[in-house]
């Protein structure tokens, strides 16, 4: 999963990034609010982690801007030295999902990150099935059916389709899709992604009159949307 971290203290930022990457996450570190806003405007992330006291703005202002333009399903965690109750309450009331006071302890930090991401990914189906009529994913068997008939997909096509259907309505950057499906160490070009998207469109008949549309967003990525209720 991809995490954007806003932290102006170089030592703290590098330490948190190291912990996250060692835990298997991909972390992009930003030192200013402006750099952070530019990044989240062109890329997509699974989690945003914010400091409060910054050289060019404040964490509450960053959060207000983030909530105005980033999908509300993307969780936000504050990691800050501000430990007053009013600051914690203000951060949570503005839409933060958690608030961690510095100094940060590695075990607690990662446990909270994992907990917030589990809640945000609540659509990870305990039944092992994902229904998005007329499609149905069998997660154990790694199969996808349409109207009860199995669609022949490669492993990568299945993983790509599953990620898209788990993020319906979200604008996902090319880098995010490549990382999620092929892994963060992937050196594949966006052409590989575009080829797989094209094959998925054909195999799943997107767009069509089946209530789903998979759209390309120029200079950014792709968005899967429901166009009607089945």
C-alpha atoms as a PDB file:
ATOM      1  CA  UNK A   1       0.000   0.000   0.000  1.00  0.00           C
ATOM      2  CA  UNK A   2       1.098   3.557  -0.710  1.00  0.00           C
ATOM      3  CA  UNK A   3       1.465   6.139   2.061  1.00  0.00           C
ATOM      4  CA  UNK A   4       2.150   9.871   1.759  1.00  0.00           C
ATOM      5  CA  UNK A   5       3.979  11.282   4.794  1.00  0.00           C
ATOM      6  CA  UNK A   6       4.179  15.026   5.522  1.00  0.00           C
ATOM      7  CA  UNK A   7       6.960  15.710   8.037  1.00  0.00           C
ATOM      8  CA  UNK A   8       9.377  18.672   8.021  1.00  0.00           C
ATOM      9  CA  UNK A   9      11.807  17.170  10.562  1.00  0.00           C
ATOM     10  CA  UNK A  10      14.265  15.251   8.372  1.00  0.00           C
ATOM     11  CA  UNK A  11      15.274  12.789  11.080  1.00  0.00           C
ATOM     12  CA  UNK A  12      11.704  11.987  12.130  1.00  0.00           C
ATOM     13  CA  UNK A  13      10.533  11.741   8.527  1.00  0.00           C
ATOM     14  CA  UNK A  14      13.289   9.357   7.535  1.00  0.00           C
ATOM     15  CA  UNK A  15      12.735   7.233  10.645  1.00  0.00           C
ATOM     16  CA  UNK A  16       8.978   6.905  10.061  1.00  0.00           C
ATOM     17  CA  UNK A  17       9.590   6.148   6.391  1.00  0.00           C
ATOM     18  CA  UNK A  18      12.093   3.459   7.334  1.00  0.00           C
ATOM     19  CA  UNK A  19       9.618   1.828   9.733  1.00  0.00           C
ATOM     20  CA  UNK A  20       6.831   1.890   7.157  1.00  0.00           C
ATOM     21  CA  UNK A  21       8.967   0.498   4.345  1.00  0.00           C
ATOM     22  CA  UNK A  22      10.331  -2.241   6.612  1.00  0.00           C
ATOM     23  CA  UNK A  23       6.703  -3.172   7.329  1.00  0.00           C
ATOM     24  CA  UNK A  24       6.045  -3.566   3.614  1.00  0.00           C
ATOM     25  CA  UNK A  25       4.523  -0.195   2.747  1.00  0.00           C
ATOM     26  CA  UNK A  26       5.680   2.227   0.103  1.00  0.00           C
ATOM     27  CA  UNK A  27       6.190   5.675   1.631  1.00  0.00           C
ATOM     28  CA  UNK A  28       6.670   9.029  -0.128  1.00  0.00           C
ATOM     29  CA  UNK A  29       8.049  11.714   2.206  1.00  0.00           C
ATOM     30  CA  UNK A  30       7.292  15.440   1.829  1.00  0.00           C
ATOM     31  CA  UNK A  31       8.683  18.316   3.927  1.00  0.00           C
ATOM     32  CA  UNK A  32       6.251  21.132   3.087  1.00  0.00           C
ATOM     33  CA  UNK A  33       2.515  21.468   2.760  1.00  0.00           C
ATOM     34  CA  UNK A  34       2.830  22.778  -0.776  1.00  0.00           C
ATOM     35  CA  UNK A  35       4.906  19.819  -1.934  1.00  0.00           C
ATOM     36  CA  UNK A  36       2.425  17.497  -0.240  1.00  0.00           C
ATOM     37  CA  UNK A  37      -0.580  19.088  -1.947  1.00  0.00           C
ATOM     38  CA  UNK A  38       1.065  18.872  -5.359  1.00  0.00           C
ATOM     39  CA  UNK A  39       1.781  15.192  -4.761  1.00  0.00           C
ATOM     40  CA  UNK A  40      -1.735  14.213  -3.676  1.00  0.00           C
ATOM     41  CA  UNK A  41      -3.124  16.151  -6.642  1.00  0.00           C
ATOM     42  CA  UNK A  42      -1.225  14.024  -9.155  1.00  0.00           C
ATOM     43  CA  UNK A  43      -0.904  10.723  -7.271  1.00  0.00           C
ATOM     44  CA  UNK A  44      -3.221   8.492  -5.253  1.00  0.00           C
ATOM     45  CA  UNK A  45      -2.489   6.989  -1.850  1.00  0.00           C
ATOM     46  CA  UNK A  46      -4.011   4.523   0.594  1.00  0.00           C
ATOM     47  CA  UNK A  47      -3.101   6.586   3.683  1.00  0.00           C
ATOM     48  CA  UNK A  48      -1.981  10.148   4.474  1.00  0.00           C
ATOM     49  CA  UNK A  49       0.137  10.909   7.562  1.00  0.00           C
ATOM     50  CA  UNK A  50       0.420  14.567   8.591  1.00  0.00           C
ATOM     51  CA  UNK A  51       2.572  16.606  10.941  1.00  0.00           C
ATOM     52  CA  UNK A  52       0.829  19.658  12.425  1.00  0.00           C
ATOM     53  CA  UNK A  53       3.595  22.241  12.770  1.00  0.00           C
ATOM     54  CA  UNK A  54       5.046  22.910   9.325  1.00  0.00           C
ATOM     55  CA  UNK A  55       7.255  25.642   7.809  1.00  0.00           C
ATOM     56  CA  UNK A  56       4.701  26.899   5.274  1.00  0.00           C
ATOM     57  CA  UNK A  57       1.319  25.980   6.746  1.00  0.00           C
ATOM     58  CA  UNK A  58      -0.299  23.980   9.545  1.00  0.00           C
ATOM     59  CA  UNK A  59      -1.588  20.444   9.678  1.00  0.00           C
ATOM     60  CA  UNK A  60      -5.193  21.480  10.218  1.00  0.00           C
ATOM     61  CA  UNK A  61      -5.082  23.637   7.074  1.00  0.00           C
ATOM     62  CA  UNK A  62      -3.551  20.748   5.131  1.00  0.00           C
ATOM     63  CA  UNK A  63      -6.297  18.420   6.322  1.00  0.00           C
ATOM     64  CA  UNK A  64      -9.052  20.847   5.289  1.00  0.00           C
ATOM     65  CA  UNK A  65      -7.577  21.070   1.774  1.00  0.00           C
ATOM     66  CA  UNK A  66      -7.078  17.313   1.616  1.00  0.00           C
ATOM     67  CA  UNK A  67     -10.649  16.531   2.619  1.00  0.00           C
ATOM     68  CA  UNK A  68     -11.906  18.964  -0.029  1.00  0.00           C
ATOM     69  CA  UNK A  69     -10.134  17.230  -2.903  1.00  0.00           C
ATOM     70  CA  UNK A  70      -9.078  13.707  -1.896  1.00  0.00           C
ATOM     71  CA  UNK A  71     -11.513  10.795  -1.755  1.00  0.00           C
ATOM     72  CA  UNK A  72     -13.057  10.679   1.717  1.00  0.00           C
ATOM     73  CA  UNK A  73     -12.271   6.962   1.978  1.00  0.00           C
ATOM     74  CA  UNK A  74      -8.532   7.716   2.153  1.00  0.00           C
ATOM     75  CA  UNK A  75      -7.702   7.780   5.884  1.00  0.00           C
ATOM     76  CA  UNK A  76      -5.573  10.445   7.580  1.00  0.00           C
ATOM     77  CA  UNK A  77      -3.393  10.142  10.694  1.00  0.00           C
ATOM     78  CA  UNK A  78      -1.824  13.065  12.562  1.00  0.00           C
ATOM     79  CA  UNK A  79       1.653  12.477  14.018  1.00  0.00           C
ATOM     80  CA  UNK A  80       2.585  15.587  15.981  1.00  0.00           C
ATOM     81  CA  UNK A  81       4.134  16.954  19.153  1.00  0.00           C
ATOM     82  CA  UNK A  82       0.924  18.856  19.962  1.00  0.00           C
ATOM     83  CA  UNK A  83      -0.508  16.894  22.883  1.00  0.00           C
ATOM     84  CA  UNK A  84      -3.159  19.302  24.187  1.00  0.00           C
ATOM     85  CA  UNK A  85      -6.658  17.852  24.288  1.00  0.00           C
ATOM     86  CA  UNK A  86      -8.044  20.710  22.203  1.00  0.00           C
ATOM     87  CA  UNK A  87      -5.552  19.955  19.414  1.00  0.00           C
ATOM     88  CA  UNK A  88      -6.448  16.262  19.410  1.00  0.00           C
ATOM     89  CA  UNK A  89     -10.169  17.039  19.388  1.00  0.00           C
ATOM     90  CA  UNK A  90      -9.718  19.615  16.612  1.00  0.00           C
ATOM     91  CA  UNK A  91      -7.786  17.161  14.448  1.00  0.00           C
ATOM     92  CA  UNK A  92     -10.340  14.398  14.862  1.00  0.00           C
ATOM     93  CA  UNK A  93     -13.262  16.764  14.284  1.00  0.00           C
ATOM     94  CA  UNK A  94     -11.655  17.963  11.047  1.00  0.00           C
ATOM     95  CA  UNK A  95     -11.722  14.411   9.717  1.00  0.00           C
ATOM     96  CA  UNK A  96      -8.521  12.714  10.906  1.00  0.00           C
ATOM     97  CA  UNK A  97      -8.893   8.992  11.605  1.00  0.00           C
ATOM     98  CA  UNK A  98      -6.262   8.865  14.351  1.00  0.00           C
ATOM     99  CA  UNK A  99      -3.917  11.152  16.280  1.00  0.00           C
ATOM    100  CA  UNK A 100      -0.478  10.033  17.499  1.00  0.00           C
ATOM    101  CA  UNK A 101       1.573  12.206  19.853  1.00  0.00           C
ATOM    102  CA  UNK A 102       5.377  12.368  19.490  1.00  0.00           C
ATOM    103  CA  UNK A 103       7.729  10.893  20.478  1.00  0.00           C
ATOM    104  CA  UNK A 104       6.519   7.977  18.398  1.00  0.00           C
ATOM    105  CA  UNK A 105       7.118   4.374  19.383  1.00  0.00           C
ATOM    106  CA  UNK A 106       7.640   2.008  16.476  1.00  0.00           C
ATOM    107  CA  UNK A 107       5.356  -0.803  17.609  1.00  0.00           C
ATOM    108  CA  UNK A 108       2.455   1.474  18.508  1.00  0.00           C
ATOM    109  CA  UNK A 109       2.890   3.550  15.347  1.00  0.00           C
ATOM    110  CA  UNK A 110       2.747   0.539  13.034  1.00  0.00           C
ATOM    111  CA  UNK A 111      -0.146  -1.002  14.973  1.00  0.00           C
ATOM    112  CA  UNK A 112      -2.173   2.198  14.567  1.00  0.00           C
ATOM    113  CA  UNK A 113      -1.312   2.447  10.869  1.00  0.00           C
ATOM    114  CA  UNK A 114      -2.392  -1.158  10.379  1.00  0.00           C
ATOM    115  CA  UNK A 115      -5.618  -0.614  12.326  1.00  0.00           C
ATOM    116  CA  UNK A 116      -6.597   2.486  10.338  1.00  0.00           C
ATOM    117  CA  UNK A 117      -5.880   0.735   7.046  1.00  0.00           C
ATOM    118  CA  UNK A 118      -7.901  -2.314   8.106  1.00  0.00           C
ATOM    119  CA  UNK A 119     -10.888  -0.090   8.845  1.00  0.00           C
ATOM    120  CA  UNK A 120     -10.461   1.751   5.544  1.00  0.00           C
ATOM    121  CA  UNK A 121     -10.232  -1.550   3.692  1.00  0.00           C
ATOM    122  CA  UNK A 122     -13.372  -2.887   5.369  1.00  0.00           C
ATOM    123  CA  UNK A 123     -14.514  -4.074   1.968  1.00  0.00           C
ATOM    124  CA  UNK A 124     -11.863  -6.823   2.170  1.00  0.00           C
ATOM    125  CA  UNK A 125     -14.545  -9.467   2.302  1.00  0.00           C
ATOM    126  CA  UNK A 126     -14.359 -12.000   5.154  1.00  0.00           C
ATOM    127  CA  UNK A 127     -16.609 -14.283   3.105  1.00  0.00           C
ATOM    128  CA  UNK A 128     -13.963 -14.571   0.423  1.00  0.00           C
ATOM    129  CA  UNK A 129     -16.338 -13.159  -2.173  1.00  0.00           C
ATOM    130  CA  UNK A 130     -16.765  -9.714  -3.693  1.00  0.00           C
ATOM    131  CA  UNK A 131     -20.063  -9.051  -5.413  1.00  0.00           C
ATOM    132  CA  UNK A 132     -20.378  -6.191  -7.901  1.00  0.00           C
ATOM    133  CA  UNK A 133     -23.281  -7.275 -10.096  1.00  0.00           C
ATOM    134  CA  UNK A 134     -23.067  -8.637 -12.695  1.00  0.00           C
ATOM    135  CA  UNK A 135     -19.523  -9.524 -11.574  1.00  0.00           C
ATOM    136  CA  UNK A 136     -18.480 -11.785  -8.722  1.00  0.00           C
ATOM    137  CA  UNK A 137     -14.943 -12.353  -7.435  1.00  0.00           C
ATOM    138  CA  UNK A 138     -13.985 -15.596  -5.706  1.00  0.00           C
ATOM    139  CA  UNK A 139     -10.897 -14.536  -3.764  1.00  0.00           C
ATOM    140  CA  UNK A 140      -9.870 -18.032  -2.706  1.00  0.00           C
ATOM    141  CA  UNK A 141     -10.049 -19.451  -6.230  1.00  0.00           C
ATOM    142  CA  UNK A 142      -8.815 -16.242  -7.886  1.00  0.00           C
ATOM    143  CA  UNK A 143     -11.676 -16.320 -10.368  1.00  0.00           C
ATOM    144  CA  UNK A 144     -14.082 -13.712 -11.699  1.00  0.00           C
ATOM    145  CA  UNK A 145     -17.483 -14.494 -13.138  1.00  0.00           C
ATOM    146  CA  UNK A 146     -19.965 -12.375 -15.037  1.00  0.00           C
ATOM    147  CA  UNK A 147     -23.629 -13.344 -14.836  1.00  0.00           C
ATOM    148  CA  UNK A 148     -22.507 -16.680 -13.399  1.00  0.00           C
ATOM    149  CA  UNK A 149     -20.075 -17.458 -16.215  1.00  0.00           C
ATOM    150  CA  UNK A 150     -16.353 -17.438 -15.469  1.00  0.00           C
ATOM    151  CA  UNK A 151     -14.242 -14.875 -17.331  1.00  0.00           C
ATOM    152  CA  UNK A 152     -10.827 -16.129 -18.446  1.00  0.00           C
ATOM    153  CA  UNK A 153      -8.253 -13.802 -16.871  1.00  0.00           C
ATOM    154  CA  UNK A 154      -4.521 -13.994 -16.285  1.00  0.00           C
ATOM    155  CA  UNK A 155      -3.283 -13.625 -12.705  1.00  0.00           C
ATOM    156  CA  UNK A 156      -2.321  -9.979 -13.272  1.00  0.00           C
ATOM    157  CA  UNK A 157      -5.636  -9.199 -14.968  1.00  0.00           C
ATOM    158  CA  UNK A 158      -7.488 -10.685 -12.004  1.00  0.00           C
ATOM    159  CA  UNK A 159      -5.434  -8.689  -9.472  1.00  0.00           C
ATOM    160  CA  UNK A 160      -5.931  -5.493 -11.470  1.00  0.00           C
ATOM    161  CA  UNK A 161      -9.681  -6.027 -11.763  1.00  0.00           C
ATOM    162  CA  UNK A 162      -9.966  -6.814  -8.046  1.00  0.00           C
ATOM    163  CA  UNK A 163      -8.058  -3.666  -7.061  1.00  0.00           C
ATOM    164  CA  UNK A 164     -10.245  -1.526  -9.312  1.00  0.00           C
ATOM    165  CA  UNK A 165     -13.483  -2.995  -7.947  1.00  0.00           C
ATOM    166  CA  UNK A 166     -12.248  -2.535  -4.386  1.00  0.00           C
ATOM    167  CA  UNK A 167     -11.707   1.151  -5.137  1.00  0.00           C
ATOM    168  CA  UNK A 168     -14.840   2.002  -7.090  1.00  0.00           C
ATOM    169  CA  UNK A 169     -15.142   5.726  -7.749  1.00  0.00           C
ATOM    170  CA  UNK A 170     -11.540   6.526  -6.782  1.00  0.00           C
ATOM    171  CA  UNK A 171      -9.189   8.133  -9.258  1.00  0.00           C
ATOM    172  CA  UNK A 172      -6.133   5.871  -9.115  1.00  0.00           C
ATOM    173  CA  UNK A 173      -2.811   7.019 -10.517  1.00  0.00           C
ATOM    174  CA  UNK A 174      -0.833   4.811 -12.868  1.00  0.00           C
ATOM    175  CA  UNK A 175       1.948   4.502 -10.305  1.00  0.00           C
ATOM    176  CA  UNK A 176      -0.531   3.410  -7.643  1.00  0.00           C
ATOM    177  CA  UNK A 177      -2.009   0.734  -9.892  1.00  0.00           C
ATOM    178  CA  UNK A 178       1.415  -0.566 -10.914  1.00  0.00           C
ATOM    179  CA  UNK A 179       2.549  -0.704  -7.275  1.00  0.00           C
ATOM    180  CA  UNK A 180      -0.629  -2.437  -6.100  1.00  0.00           C
ATOM    181  CA  UNK A 181      -0.673  -5.119  -8.795  1.00  0.00           C
ATOM    182  CA  UNK A 182       2.954  -5.636  -9.836  1.00  0.00           C
ATOM    183  CA  UNK A 183       4.691  -4.559  -6.615  1.00  0.00           C
ATOM    184  CA  UNK A 184       6.527  -1.460  -5.467  1.00  0.00           C
ATOM    185  CA  UNK A 185       9.820  -2.649  -6.965  1.00  0.00           C
ATOM    186  CA  UNK A 186       8.263  -2.971 -10.396  1.00  0.00           C
ATOM    187  CA  UNK A 187      10.077  -1.175 -13.195  1.00  0.00           C
ATOM    188  CA  UNK A 188       7.296  -1.778 -15.698  1.00  0.00           C
ATOM    189  CA  UNK A 189       6.218   1.128 -17.840  1.00  0.00           C
ATOM    190  CA  UNK A 190       2.741   2.607 -17.842  1.00  0.00           C
ATOM    191  CA  UNK A 191       2.292   1.004 -21.275  1.00  0.00           C
ATOM    192  CA  UNK A 192       2.106  -2.371 -19.527  1.00  0.00           C
ATOM    193  CA  UNK A 193      -0.725  -1.052 -17.382  1.00  0.00           C
ATOM    194  CA  UNK A 194      -2.521   0.464 -20.365  1.00  0.00           C
ATOM    195  CA  UNK A 195      -2.306  -2.868 -22.206  1.00  0.00           C
ATOM    196  CA  UNK A 196      -3.827  -4.741 -19.262  1.00  0.00           C
ATOM    197  CA  UNK A 197      -6.560  -2.111 -18.899  1.00  0.00           C
ATOM    198  CA  UNK A 198      -7.411  -2.505 -22.577  1.00  0.00           C
ATOM    199  CA  UNK A 199      -7.664  -6.286 -22.205  1.00  0.00           C
ATOM    200  CA  UNK A 200      -9.859  -5.926 -19.120  1.00  0.00           C
ATOM    201  CA  UNK A 201     -12.193  -3.577 -20.946  1.00  0.00           C
ATOM    202  CA  UNK A 202     -12.642  -6.174 -23.682  1.00  0.00           C
ATOM    203  CA  UNK A 203     -12.988  -9.196 -21.403  1.00  0.00           C
ATOM    204  CA  UNK A 204     -15.378  -7.497 -18.977  1.00  0.00           C
ATOM    205  CA  UNK A 205     -17.186  -5.522 -21.672  1.00  0.00           C
ATOM    206  CA  UNK A 206     -16.417  -2.087 -20.207  1.00  0.00           C
ATOM    207  CA  UNK A 207     -18.016   0.270 -20.889  1.00  0.00           C
ATOM    208  CA  UNK A 208     -21.310  -1.254 -21.935  1.00  0.00           C
ATOM    209  CA  UNK A 209     -24.858  -1.443 -20.692  1.00  0.00           C
ATOM    210  CA  UNK A 210     -23.797  -3.592 -17.749  1.00  0.00           C
ATOM    211  CA  UNK A 211     -23.725  -0.667 -15.252  1.00  0.00           C
ATOM    212  CA  UNK A 212     -19.947  -0.142 -15.068  1.00  0.00           C
ATOM    213  CA  UNK A 213     -17.493   2.208 -16.791  1.00  0.00           C
ATOM    214  CA  UNK A 214     -13.688   2.171 -16.687  1.00  0.00           C
ATOM    215  CA  UNK A 215     -12.361   5.577 -17.716  1.00  0.00           C
ATOM    216  CA  UNK A 216      -8.895   6.954 -18.385  1.00  0.00           C
ATOM    217  CA  UNK A 217      -8.166  10.346 -16.822  1.00  0.00           C
ATOM    218  CA  UNK A 218      -5.635  12.239 -18.895  1.00  0.00           C
ATOM    219  CA  UNK A 219      -2.189  12.579 -17.350  1.00  0.00           C
ATOM    220  CA  UNK A 220      -3.250  10.779 -14.181  1.00  0.00           C
ATOM    221  CA  UNK A 221      -4.692   7.265 -14.250  1.00  0.00           C
ATOM    222  CA  UNK A 222      -7.978   5.379 -14.250  1.00  0.00           C
ATOM    223  CA  UNK A 223     -11.335   5.386 -12.484  1.00  0.00           C
ATOM    224  CA  UNK A 224     -13.891   2.576 -12.305  1.00  0.00           C
ATOM    225  CA  UNK A 225     -17.444   3.829 -11.776  1.00  0.00           C
ATOM    226  CA  UNK A 226     -20.891   2.344 -11.440  1.00  0.00           C
ATOM    227  CA  UNK A 227     -23.157   3.974 -14.013  1.00  0.00           C
ATOM    228  CA  UNK A 228     -26.430   2.377 -12.896  1.00  0.00           C
ATOM    229  CA  UNK A 229     -27.781   0.022 -10.274  1.00  0.00           C
ATOM    230  CA  UNK A 230     -28.356  -3.549 -11.394  1.00  0.00           C
END
